[in-house]
C-alpha atoms as a PDB file:
ATOM      1  CA  MET A   1    -144.543 -12.785 -35.793  1.00  0.00           C
ATOM      2  CA  ASN A   2    -146.538 -14.097 -32.837  1.00  0.00           C
ATOM      3  CA  ASP A   3    -145.729 -13.296 -29.203  1.00  0.00           C
ATOM      4  CA  CYS A   4    -143.911 -16.590 -28.535  1.00  0.00           C
ATOM      5  CA  ASP A   5    -141.717 -16.052 -31.595  1.00  0.00           C
ATOM      6  CA  ARG A   6    -141.027 -12.517 -30.346  1.00  0.00           C
ATOM      7  CA  LEU A   7    -140.043 -13.905 -26.936  1.00  0.00           C
ATOM      8  CA  ASP A   8    -137.620 -16.326 -28.576  1.00  0.00           C
ATOM      9  CA  ALA A   9    -136.177 -13.585 -30.771  1.00  0.00           C
ATOM     10  CA  LEU A  10    -135.792 -11.242 -27.781  1.00  0.00           C
ATOM     11  CA  THR A  11    -134.009 -13.952 -25.798  1.00  0.00           C
ATOM     12  CA  TRP A  12    -131.675 -14.711 -28.709  1.00  0.00           C
ATOM     13  CA  LEU A  13    -130.840 -11.031 -29.144  1.00  0.00           C
ATOM     14  CA  LEU A  14    -129.983 -10.699 -25.469  1.00  0.00           C
ATOM     15  CA  GLU A  15    -127.820 -13.819 -25.696  1.00  0.00           C
ATOM     16  CA  ASP A  16    -126.083 -12.236 -28.701  1.00  0.00           C
ATOM     17  CA  LEU A  17    -125.483  -9.140 -26.568  1.00  0.00           C
ATOM     18  CA  VAL A  18    -123.735 -11.313 -23.981  1.00  0.00           C
ATOM     19  CA  ASP A  19    -121.593 -12.930 -26.680  1.00  0.00           C
ATOM     20  CA  ILE A  20    -120.455  -9.731 -28.415  1.00  0.00           C
ATOM     21  CA  SER A  21    -119.950  -7.832 -25.184  1.00  0.00           C
ATOM     22  CA  GLU A  22    -117.312 -10.234 -23.837  1.00  0.00           C
ATOM     23  CA  ASN A  23    -114.606  -7.991 -25.298  1.00  0.00           C
ATOM     24  CA  SER A  24    -116.615  -4.797 -25.428  1.00  0.00           C
ATOM     25  CA  VAL A  25    -118.005  -2.022 -23.296  1.00  0.00           C
ATOM     26  CA  ILE A  26    -121.789  -1.571 -23.425  1.00  0.00           C
ATOM     27  CA  LEU A  27    -122.800   2.079 -23.762  1.00  0.00           C
ATOM     28  CA  ILE A  28    -126.144   2.707 -22.057  1.00  0.00           C
ATOM     29  CA  GLU A  29    -128.003   5.880 -21.205  1.00  0.00           C
ATOM     30  CA  GLY A  30    -128.335   5.544 -17.444  1.00  0.00           C
ATOM     31  CA  ARG A  31    -128.717   3.619 -14.208  1.00  0.00           C
ATOM     32  CA  LYS A  32    -132.135   2.162 -15.066  1.00  0.00           C
ATOM     33  CA  ASP A  33    -130.649   0.604 -18.196  1.00  0.00           C
ATOM     34  CA  ARG A  34    -127.952  -1.051 -16.051  1.00  0.00           C
ATOM     35  CA  LYS A  35    -130.719  -2.499 -13.868  1.00  0.00           C
ATOM     36  CA  ALA A  36    -132.426  -3.889 -16.978  1.00  0.00           C
ATOM     37  CA  LEU A  37    -129.199  -5.579 -18.049  1.00  0.00           C
ATOM     38  CA  ASP A  38    -128.790  -6.908 -14.507  1.00  0.00           C
ATOM     39  CA  PHE A  39    -132.273  -8.441 -14.765  1.00  0.00           C
ATOM     40  CA  PHE A  40    -131.002 -10.528 -17.674  1.00  0.00           C
ATOM     41  CA  ARG A  41    -127.742 -11.212 -15.834  1.00  0.00           C
ATOM     42  CA  ILE A  42    -125.608  -9.454 -18.383  1.00  0.00           C
ATOM     43  CA  PRO A  43    -122.617  -8.744 -16.142  1.00  0.00           C
ATOM     44  CA  ARG A  44    -120.558  -6.774 -18.597  1.00  0.00           C
ATOM     45  CA  GLU A  45    -118.742  -3.486 -18.325  1.00  0.00           C
ATOM     46  CA  THR A  46    -121.027  -0.542 -18.979  1.00  0.00           C
ATOM     47  CA  ILE A  47    -120.679   3.201 -19.251  1.00  0.00           C
ATOM     48  CA  GLU A  48    -123.631   5.478 -18.516  1.00  0.00           C
ATOM     49  CA  VAL A  49    -123.542   8.024 -21.310  1.00  0.00           C
ATOM     50  CA  GLN A  50    -125.914  10.522 -19.680  1.00  0.00           C
ATOM     51  CA  ARG A  51    -123.567  10.790 -16.715  1.00  0.00           C
ATOM     52  CA  ASP A  52    -120.328  11.045 -18.700  1.00  0.00           C
ATOM     53  CA  GLY A  53    -121.485  12.491 -22.010  1.00  0.00           C
ATOM     54  CA  PRO A  54    -120.909  10.901 -25.431  1.00  0.00           C
ATOM     55  CA  ARG A  55    -117.412  12.312 -25.910  1.00  0.00           C
ATOM     56  CA  THR A  56    -116.114  11.206 -22.506  1.00  0.00           C
ATOM     57  CA  ALA A  57    -117.825   7.821 -22.877  1.00  0.00           C
ATOM     58  CA  ALA A  58    -116.116   7.301 -26.246  1.00  0.00           C
ATOM     59  CA  GLU A  59    -112.767   8.321 -24.759  1.00  0.00           C
ATOM     60  CA  ARG A  60    -113.216   5.850 -21.899  1.00  0.00           C
ATOM     61  CA  VAL A  61    -113.892   3.041 -24.381  1.00  0.00           C
ATOM     62  CA  TYR A  62    -110.824   4.067 -26.364  1.00  0.00           C
ATOM     63  CA  GLU A  63    -108.681   4.015 -23.215  1.00  0.00           C
ATOM     64  CA  SER A  64    -110.006   0.539 -22.345  1.00  0.00           C
ATOM     65  CA  GLY A  65    -108.722  -0.845 -25.645  1.00  0.00           C
ATOM     66  CA  LYS A  66    -112.069  -2.575 -26.180  1.00  0.00           C
ATOM     67  CA  GLU A  67    -114.828  -2.234 -28.737  1.00  0.00           C
ATOM     68  CA  ALA A  68    -118.178  -0.620 -27.960  1.00  0.00           C
ATOM     69  CA  VAL A  69    -121.750  -1.846 -28.108  1.00  0.00           C
ATOM     70  CA  ILE A  70    -124.183   1.052 -28.404  1.00  0.00           C
ATOM     71  CA  MET A  71    -127.335   0.217 -26.430  1.00  0.00           C
ATOM     72  CA  THR A  72    -129.131   3.526 -26.133  1.00  0.00           C
ATOM     73  CA  ASP A  73    -132.917   3.727 -26.190  1.00  0.00           C
ATOM     74  CA  TRP A  74    -134.668   3.694 -29.550  1.00  0.00           C
ATOM     75  CA  ASP A  75    -136.592   6.924 -28.979  1.00  0.00           C
ATOM     76  CA  SER A  76    -135.561  10.273 -30.493  1.00  0.00           C
ATOM     77  CA  LYS A  77    -133.260  11.159 -27.577  1.00  0.00           C
ATOM     78  CA  GLY A  78    -131.604   7.723 -27.722  1.00  0.00           C
ATOM     79  CA  ASP A  79    -131.166   8.080 -31.480  1.00  0.00           C
ATOM     80  CA  GLU A  80    -129.451  11.428 -30.965  1.00  0.00           C
ATOM     81  CA  ILE A  81    -127.133  10.002 -28.297  1.00  0.00           C
ATOM     82  CA  ALA A  82    -126.350   6.987 -30.523  1.00  0.00           C
ATOM     83  CA  ARG A  83    -125.414   9.250 -33.449  1.00  0.00           C
ATOM     84  CA  SER A  84    -123.147  11.316 -31.210  1.00  0.00           C
ATOM     85  CA  LEU A  85    -121.514   8.166 -29.837  1.00  0.00           C
ATOM     86  CA  GLU A  86    -120.944   6.849 -33.347  1.00  0.00           C
ATOM     87  CA  GLU A  87    -119.265  10.108 -34.400  1.00  0.00           C
ATOM     88  CA  ASN A  88    -117.043  10.208 -31.323  1.00  0.00           C
ATOM     89  CA  LEU A  89    -116.107   6.521 -31.496  1.00  0.00           C
ATOM     90  CA  ARG A  90    -115.394   6.772 -35.232  1.00  0.00           C
ATOM     91  CA  SER A  91    -113.141   9.813 -34.696  1.00  0.00           C
ATOM     92  CA  LEU A  92    -111.119   7.813 -32.157  1.00  0.00           C
ATOM     93  CA  GLY A  93    -110.925   4.747 -34.407  1.00  0.00           C
ATOM     94  CA  VAL A  94    -112.942   2.614 -31.979  1.00  0.00           C
ATOM     95  CA  ARG A  95    -114.985  -0.205 -33.486  1.00  0.00           C
ATOM     96  CA  TYR A  96    -118.600  -0.270 -32.397  1.00  0.00           C
ATOM     97  CA  ASP A  97    -121.724  -2.346 -32.845  1.00  0.00           C
ATOM     98  CA  THR A  98    -125.267  -1.051 -33.285  1.00  0.00           C
ATOM     99  CA  ASP A  99    -126.849  -4.227 -34.684  1.00  0.00           C
ATOM    100  CA  ILE A 100    -128.354  -5.442 -31.396  1.00  0.00           C
ATOM    101  CA  ARG A 101    -129.926  -2.030 -30.750  1.00  0.00           C
ATOM    102  CA  ASP A 102    -131.317  -1.895 -34.291  1.00  0.00           C
ATOM    103  CA  LYS A 103    -132.798  -5.385 -34.008  1.00  0.00           C
ATOM    104  CA  LEU A 104    -134.292  -4.630 -30.585  1.00  0.00           C
ATOM    105  CA  ARG A 105    -135.886  -1.505 -32.043  1.00  0.00           C
ATOM    106  CA  ALA A 106    -137.517  -3.521 -34.816  1.00  0.00           C
ATOM    107  CA  LEU A 107    -138.642  -6.273 -32.455  1.00  0.00           C
ATOM    108  CA  CYS A 108    -139.864  -4.194 -29.506  1.00  0.00           C
ATOM    109  CA  MET A 109    -140.807  -0.747 -30.775  1.00  0.00           C
ATOM    110  CA  ARG A 110    -144.550  -1.353 -30.662  1.00  0.00           C
ATOM    111  CA  ASP A 111    -144.300  -2.253 -26.948  1.00  0.00           C
ATOM    112  CA  VAL A 112    -141.290  -0.469 -25.457  1.00  0.00           C
ATOM    113  CA  LYS A 113    -139.009   2.311 -26.563  1.00  0.00           C
ATOM    114  CA  ASP A 114    -136.156   1.873 -24.139  1.00  0.00           C
ATOM    115  CA  VAL A 115    -133.706  -0.588 -22.605  1.00  0.00           C
ATOM    116  CA  GLN A 116    -135.286  -0.269 -19.170  1.00  0.00           C
ATOM    117  CA  GLY A 117    -138.580  -1.575 -20.583  1.00  0.00           C
ATOM    118  CA  LEU A 118    -137.095  -4.868 -21.795  1.00  0.00           C
ATOM    119  CA  PRO A 119    -137.521  -6.835 -18.522  1.00  0.00           C
ATOM    120  CA  GLY A 120    -141.225  -5.957 -18.352  1.00  0.00           C
ATOM    121  CA  LEU A 121    -141.763  -6.904 -21.976  1.00  0.00           C
ATOM    122  CA  HIS A 122    -139.876 -10.173 -21.455  1.00  0.00           C
ATOM    123  CA  ARG A 123    -142.048 -11.033 -18.423  1.00  0.00           C
ATOM    124  CA  ARG A 124    -145.261 -10.172 -20.304  1.00  0.00           C
ATOM    125  CA  LEU A 125    -144.276 -12.330 -23.253  1.00  0.00           C
ATOM    126  CA  GLU A 126    -143.362 -15.219 -20.937  1.00  0.00           C
ATOM    127  CA  SER A 127    -146.772 -14.939 -19.302  1.00  0.00           C
ATOM    128  CA  MET A 128    -148.624 -14.713 -22.616  1.00  0.00           C
ATOM    129  CA  CYS A 129    -146.765 -17.766 -23.913  1.00  0.00           C
ATOM    130  CA  GLY A 130    -147.349 -19.735 -20.729  1.00  0.00           C
ATOM    131  CA  ARG A 131    -143.647 -20.063 -20.016  1.00  0.00           C
ATOM    132  CA  PRO A 132    -142.183 -19.956 -16.522  1.00  0.00           C
ATOM    133  CA  PRO A 133    -140.022 -16.922 -15.732  1.00  0.00           C
ATOM    134  CA  GLN A 134    -136.409 -17.439 -16.722  1.00  0.00           C
ATOM    135  CA  LYS A 135    -133.745 -16.992 -14.075  1.00  0.00           C
ATOM    136  CA  ARG A 136    -131.009 -16.882 -16.713  1.00  0.00           C
ATOM    137  CA  LEU A 137    -130.870 -16.509 -20.469  1.00  0.00           C
ATOM    138  CA  ARG A 138    -128.475 -19.439 -20.841  1.00  0.00           C
ATOM    139  CA  SER A 139    -127.042 -21.905 -18.387  1.00  0.00           C
ATOM    140  CA  ARG A 140    -123.554 -20.493 -19.003  1.00  0.00           C
ATOM    141  CA  LEU A 141    -124.498 -17.007 -17.826  1.00  0.00           C
END
């Protein structure tokens, strides 16, 4: 897959994140991840798992009555946090999604290992493909 195809795929995945998170809470590791989502104008409800811990984060999602989107980093620490979130969410009967995270891992792993690195990768790919920087992912955002 060339860099322009990767840029398109990254943009589509982030648009998918917007779509599935309309009725969900996005579980991220920390404040820098929230800033990365802000860069892409993903204005959804988030919970910082490092601040609250996986169990409390899962309980907060349960109390919200929403589903969860697990968006932890795809390094070993992020994998560990994701597994703990899955266990806690499953025990509470909360539905969760890990597909976006898994696809981002496959698409971006050679360049970045975390959510906070996505804006930089997106900008680099835009530059390499000769595309102007995007202000928004979609006009509806």
